[in-house]
Amino acid sequence: MSNLAYKVEKQQRQTDSAEQSVIIRRRASITLGEKVLIVLFALAVLSASLFMISKAFAAYQTNIEIQKLEKKVETESSRVDDLEKEADMLKEPDRIMDIARKKGLKLGDKKVKDIQE
């Protein structure tokens, strides 16, 4: 009987060890195809982001140029306004009459028409 008990115990140990050896955990490895896809995806994202950044920078530069041109137009517009005011002042009939008299031109008041009336 002792021999029989030994065989039963031996069989139990073998089944226990067989169950333990069946449980093998493997780490999920990334295949070569998946690695290639990940690299291609990363390159696509990088390329798209560089493209977007370059376009944003170009828009920023264009904006700066537009602001410079608007400032230049504003400066020239104010200069034109000043010159128009000066031209209007130089066209005044009283001023012209005073200069004519200083230069020696003698005009009768009846012959000169006043534009403002």
Protein backbone atom coordinates (compact mmCIF):
# COMPACT_ATOMS: atom_id res chain seq x y z
CA MET A 1 0.00 0.00 0.00
CA SER A 2 2.73 2.35 0.64
CA ASN A 3 3.84 1.91 -2.91
CA LEU A 4 0.36 2.74 -4.15
CA ALA A 5 0.20 5.88 -2.04
CA TYR A 6 3.55 6.93 -3.42
CA LYS A 7 2.27 6.60 -7.01
CA VAL A 8 -0.84 8.70 -6.29
CA GLU A 9 1.26 11.41 -4.67
CA LYS A 10 3.68 11.35 -7.57
CA GLN A 11 0.84 11.74 -10.08
CA GLN A 12 -0.56 14.72 -8.16
CA ARG A 13 2.83 16.42 -8.21
CA GLN A 14 3.15 15.84 -11.95
CA THR A 15 -0.31 17.33 -12.67
CA ASP A 16 0.45 20.34 -10.45
CA SER A 17 3.75 20.97 -12.20
CA ALA A 18 2.11 20.49 -15.62
CA GLU A 19 -0.48 23.14 -14.80
CA GLN A 20 2.19 25.56 -13.70
CA SER A 21 4.25 25.12 -16.83
CA VAL A 22 1.25 25.75 -19.11
CA ILE A 23 0.80 29.30 -17.86
CA ILE A 24 3.42 31.19 -19.84
CA ARG A 25 2.97 34.89 -20.23
CA ARG A 26 4.41 36.50 -23.30
CA ARG A 27 4.84 40.16 -23.72
CA ALA A 28 3.02 41.43 -26.79
CA SER A 29 5.68 42.36 -29.27
CA ILE A 30 5.21 44.89 -32.05
CA THR A 31 5.62 43.42 -35.46
CA LEU A 32 7.82 44.96 -38.14
CA GLY A 33 4.78 46.09 -40.13
CA GLU A 34 3.34 47.87 -37.11
CA LYS A 35 6.68 49.59 -36.49
CA VAL A 36 6.77 50.79 -40.09
CA LEU A 37 3.21 52.11 -39.83
CA ILE A 38 4.00 53.95 -36.59
CA VAL A 39 7.08 55.58 -38.14
CA LEU A 40 5.13 56.58 -41.26
CA PHE A 41 2.34 58.02 -39.14
CA ALA A 42 4.84 60.01 -37.06
CA LEU A 43 6.49 61.36 -40.22
CA ALA A 44 3.10 62.34 -41.65
CA VAL A 45 2.17 64.20 -38.46
CA LEU A 46 5.55 65.95 -38.41
CA SER A 47 5.26 66.94 -42.07
CA ALA A 48 1.73 68.26 -41.61
CA SER A 49 2.72 70.29 -38.56
CA LEU A 50 5.74 71.80 -40.36
CA PHE A 51 3.53 72.70 -43.32
CA MET A 52 0.98 74.38 -41.06
CA ILE A 53 3.67 76.29 -39.19
CA SER A 54 5.24 77.53 -42.42
CA LYS A 55 1.86 78.72 -43.72
CA ALA A 56 1.11 80.48 -40.42
CA PHE A 57 4.50 82.20 -40.54
CA ALA A 58 3.87 83.32 -44.13
CA ALA A 59 0.50 84.76 -43.09
CA TYR A 60 2.17 86.55 -40.18
CA GLN A 61 4.79 88.08 -42.49
CA THR A 62 2.08 89.19 -44.92
CA ASN A 63 0.19 90.79 -42.05
CA ILE A 64 3.28 92.75 -41.04
CA GLU A 65 3.74 93.98 -44.62
CA ILE A 66 0.08 95.04 -44.79
CA GLN A 67 0.43 97.01 -41.56
CA LYS A 68 3.54 98.76 -42.87
CA LEU A 69 1.77 99.67 -46.11
CA GLU A 70 -1.29 100.94 -44.26
CA LYS A 71 0.91 103.14 -42.08
CA LYS A 72 2.68 104.49 -45.18
CA VAL A 73 -0.67 105.21 -46.86
CA GLU A 74 -1.88 107.01 -43.75
CA THR A 75 1.28 109.14 -43.65
CA GLU A 76 1.00 110.03 -47.32
CA SER A 77 -2.70 110.80 -46.93
CA SER A 78 -2.00 113.26 -44.13
CA ARG A 79 0.76 114.83 -46.25
CA VAL A 80 -1.66 115.23 -49.17
CA ASP A 81 -4.23 116.84 -46.86
CA ASP A 82 -1.61 119.29 -45.60
CA LEU A 83 -0.59 120.16 -49.15
CA GLU A 84 -4.24 120.70 -50.17
CA LYS A 85 -4.73 123.07 -47.24
CA GLU A 86 -1.58 124.95 -48.20
CA ALA A 87 -2.74 125.18 -51.83
CA ASP A 88 -6.13 126.54 -50.73
CA MET A 89 -4.38 129.12 -48.58
CA LEU A 90 -2.13 130.18 -51.48
CA LYS A 91 -5.17 130.57 -53.79
CA GLU A 92 -6.88 133.21 -51.63
CA PRO A 93 -7.64 136.31 -53.70
CA ASP A 94 -6.65 138.74 -50.94
CA ARG A 95 -3.22 137.22 -50.72
CA ILE A 96 -2.79 137.35 -54.49
CA MET A 97 -3.87 141.03 -54.54
CA ASP A 98 -1.37 141.91 -51.78
CA ILE A 99 1.48 140.22 -53.64
CA ALA A 100 0.46 141.94 -56.90
CA ARG A 101 0.48 145.35 -55.21
CA LYS A 102 3.89 144.66 -53.67
CA LYS A 103 5.27 143.79 -57.11
CA GLY A 104 4.00 147.08 -58.51
CA LEU A 105 0.82 146.03 -60.25
CA LYS A 106 -1.85 148.74 -60.06
CA LEU A 107 -5.41 147.52 -60.35
CA GLY A 108 -8.59 149.44 -59.98
CA ASP A 109 -10.93 147.97 -57.44
CA LYS A 110 -13.79 148.17 -59.98
CA LYS A 111 -12.03 145.93 -62.47
CA VAL A 112 -11.23 143.13 -60.04
CA LYS A 113 -13.98 140.65 -59.37
CA ASP A 114 -14.11 138.99 -55.99
CA ILE A 115 -14.63 135.28 -56.46
CA GLN A 116 -16.04 134.79 -53.00
CA GLU A 117 -19.09 137.03 -53.55
